[in-house]
């Protein structure tokens, strides 16, 4: 049996899929936020309280993000000392 991939997802589904909170998504959308991301896909309004995202646009946005902090040249990383296992 094949699985049909959805073409649109709600904000809550996007949040769950990306592993982020609703407030993170809202801050990416808000031009007044220091975390605003102008490349974040715009939602399609379906009503006064309902919106959806085009999954291919979110996937394209995700593909354009750095793979990891280390790949982007940042430091970071957690834990411990010496690097030996």
C-alpha atoms as a PDB file:
ATOM      1  CA  UNK A   1       0.000   0.000   0.000  1.00  0.00           C
ATOM      2  CA  UNK A   2       1.449   3.378  -0.929  1.00  0.00           C
ATOM      3  CA  UNK A   3       1.245   6.464   1.226  1.00  0.00           C
ATOM      4  CA  UNK A   4       0.014   9.701  -0.307  1.00  0.00           C
ATOM      5  CA  UNK A   5       2.145  12.681   0.641  1.00  0.00           C
ATOM      6  CA  UNK A   6       0.046  15.738   1.547  1.00  0.00           C
ATOM      7  CA  UNK A   7       0.566  18.901  -0.486  1.00  0.00           C
ATOM      8  CA  UNK A   8      -0.516  21.213   2.348  1.00  0.00           C
ATOM      9  CA  UNK A   9      -0.111  21.153   6.131  1.00  0.00           C
ATOM     10  CA  UNK A  10      -1.578  23.164   8.980  1.00  0.00           C
ATOM     11  CA  UNK A  11       0.634  25.256  11.204  1.00  0.00           C
ATOM     12  CA  UNK A  12       0.370  22.666  13.975  1.00  0.00           C
ATOM     13  CA  UNK A  13       1.409  19.896  11.569  1.00  0.00           C
ATOM     14  CA  UNK A  14       4.380  21.981  10.368  1.00  0.00           C
ATOM     15  CA  UNK A  15       5.382  22.625  13.985  1.00  0.00           C
ATOM     16  CA  UNK A  16       5.278  18.913  14.783  1.00  0.00           C
ATOM     17  CA  UNK A  17       7.107  17.956  11.585  1.00  0.00           C
ATOM     18  CA  UNK A  18       9.925  20.463  12.201  1.00  0.00           C
ATOM     19  CA  UNK A  19       9.975  19.868  15.949  1.00  0.00           C
ATOM     20  CA  UNK A  20       9.400  23.534  16.797  1.00  0.00           C
ATOM     21  CA  UNK A  21       6.908  25.379  18.958  1.00  0.00           C
ATOM     22  CA  UNK A  22       4.140  27.593  17.669  1.00  0.00           C
ATOM     23  CA  UNK A  23       5.890  30.658  19.102  1.00  0.00           C
ATOM     24  CA  UNK A  24       9.011  29.876  17.050  1.00  0.00           C
ATOM     25  CA  UNK A  25       6.991  29.787  13.838  1.00  0.00           C
ATOM     26  CA  UNK A  26       5.238  33.009  14.823  1.00  0.00           C
ATOM     27  CA  UNK A  27       8.548  34.761  15.506  1.00  0.00           C
ATOM     28  CA  UNK A  28       9.873  33.700  12.085  1.00  0.00           C
ATOM     29  CA  UNK A  29       6.768  35.258  10.507  1.00  0.00           C
ATOM     30  CA  UNK A  30       6.760  38.505  12.527  1.00  0.00           C
ATOM     31  CA  UNK A  31       8.745  41.343  10.886  1.00  0.00           C
ATOM     32  CA  UNK A  32       9.097  43.008  14.310  1.00  0.00           C
ATOM     33  CA  UNK A  33      10.742  39.940  15.856  1.00  0.00           C
ATOM     34  CA  UNK A  34      14.542  39.730  16.111  1.00  0.00           C
ATOM     35  CA  UNK A  35      14.123  36.154  14.832  1.00  0.00           C
ATOM     36  CA  UNK A  36      12.129  37.157  11.741  1.00  0.00           C
ATOM     37  CA  UNK A  37      13.024  35.092   8.690  1.00  0.00           C
ATOM     38  CA  UNK A  38      11.878  36.758   5.462  1.00  0.00           C
ATOM     39  CA  UNK A  39      12.518  33.511   3.590  1.00  0.00           C
ATOM     40  CA  UNK A  40       9.930  31.616   5.678  1.00  0.00           C
ATOM     41  CA  UNK A  41       7.002  30.571   3.422  1.00  0.00           C
ATOM     42  CA  UNK A  42       3.779  32.524   3.700  1.00  0.00           C
ATOM     43  CA  UNK A  43       0.670  30.726   4.884  1.00  0.00           C
ATOM     44  CA  UNK A  44      -2.464  30.562   2.758  1.00  0.00           C
ATOM     45  CA  UNK A  45      -5.451  31.926   4.686  1.00  0.00           C
ATOM     46  CA  UNK A  46      -8.445  29.602   4.498  1.00  0.00           C
ATOM     47  CA  UNK A  47     -10.641  31.586   6.852  1.00  0.00           C
ATOM     48  CA  UNK A  48     -10.457  33.955   9.779  1.00  0.00           C
ATOM     49  CA  UNK A  49      -8.809  31.357  12.028  1.00  0.00           C
ATOM     50  CA  UNK A  50      -7.442  28.801   9.600  1.00  0.00           C
ATOM     51  CA  UNK A  51      -4.332  28.757   7.421  1.00  0.00           C
ATOM     52  CA  UNK A  52      -2.271  26.164   5.600  1.00  0.00           C
ATOM     53  CA  UNK A  53       1.268  25.932   4.285  1.00  0.00           C
ATOM     54  CA  UNK A  54       2.350  24.523   0.927  1.00  0.00           C
ATOM     55  CA  UNK A  55       4.543  21.596   1.893  1.00  0.00           C
ATOM     56  CA  UNK A  56       6.885  21.966  -1.100  1.00  0.00           C
ATOM     57  CA  UNK A  57       7.592  25.594  -0.078  1.00  0.00           C
ATOM     58  CA  UNK A  58       8.460  24.553   3.478  1.00  0.00           C
ATOM     59  CA  UNK A  59      10.665  21.743   2.137  1.00  0.00           C
ATOM     60  CA  UNK A  60      12.450  24.229  -0.157  1.00  0.00           C
ATOM     61  CA  UNK A  61      12.967  26.589   2.794  1.00  0.00           C
ATOM     62  CA  UNK A  62      14.342  23.710   4.850  1.00  0.00           C
ATOM     63  CA  UNK A  63      16.685  22.615   2.052  1.00  0.00           C
ATOM     64  CA  UNK A  64      18.138  26.124   1.964  1.00  0.00           C
ATOM     65  CA  UNK A  65      19.049  26.038   5.664  1.00  0.00           C
ATOM     66  CA  UNK A  66      22.541  25.048   6.832  1.00  0.00           C
ATOM     67  CA  UNK A  67      22.814  21.351   7.605  1.00  0.00           C
ATOM     68  CA  UNK A  68      24.258  21.982  11.065  1.00  0.00           C
ATOM     69  CA  UNK A  69      25.882  24.684  13.129  1.00  0.00           C
ATOM     70  CA  UNK A  70      29.271  23.150  12.379  1.00  0.00           C
ATOM     71  CA  UNK A  71      28.622  23.194   8.621  1.00  0.00           C
ATOM     72  CA  UNK A  72      27.684  26.863   8.920  1.00  0.00           C
ATOM     73  CA  UNK A  73      30.978  27.628  10.645  1.00  0.00           C
ATOM     74  CA  UNK A  74      29.534  28.068  14.100  1.00  0.00           C
ATOM     75  CA  UNK A  75      31.008  26.618  17.217  1.00  0.00           C
ATOM     76  CA  UNK A  76      28.656  25.015  19.559  1.00  0.00           C
ATOM     77  CA  UNK A  77      28.178  21.453  20.296  1.00  0.00           C
ATOM     78  CA  UNK A  78      27.534  20.161  23.654  1.00  0.00           C
ATOM     79  CA  UNK A  79      29.008  18.056  26.164  1.00  0.00           C
ATOM     80  CA  UNK A  80      32.179  17.037  27.511  1.00  0.00           C
ATOM     81  CA  UNK A  81      35.800  17.211  27.102  1.00  0.00           C
ATOM     82  CA  UNK A  82      38.598  15.644  25.195  1.00  0.00           C
ATOM     83  CA  UNK A  83      36.864  14.143  22.209  1.00  0.00           C
ATOM     84  CA  UNK A  84      37.940  10.585  22.918  1.00  0.00           C
ATOM     85  CA  UNK A  85      35.348   7.860  23.128  1.00  0.00           C
END
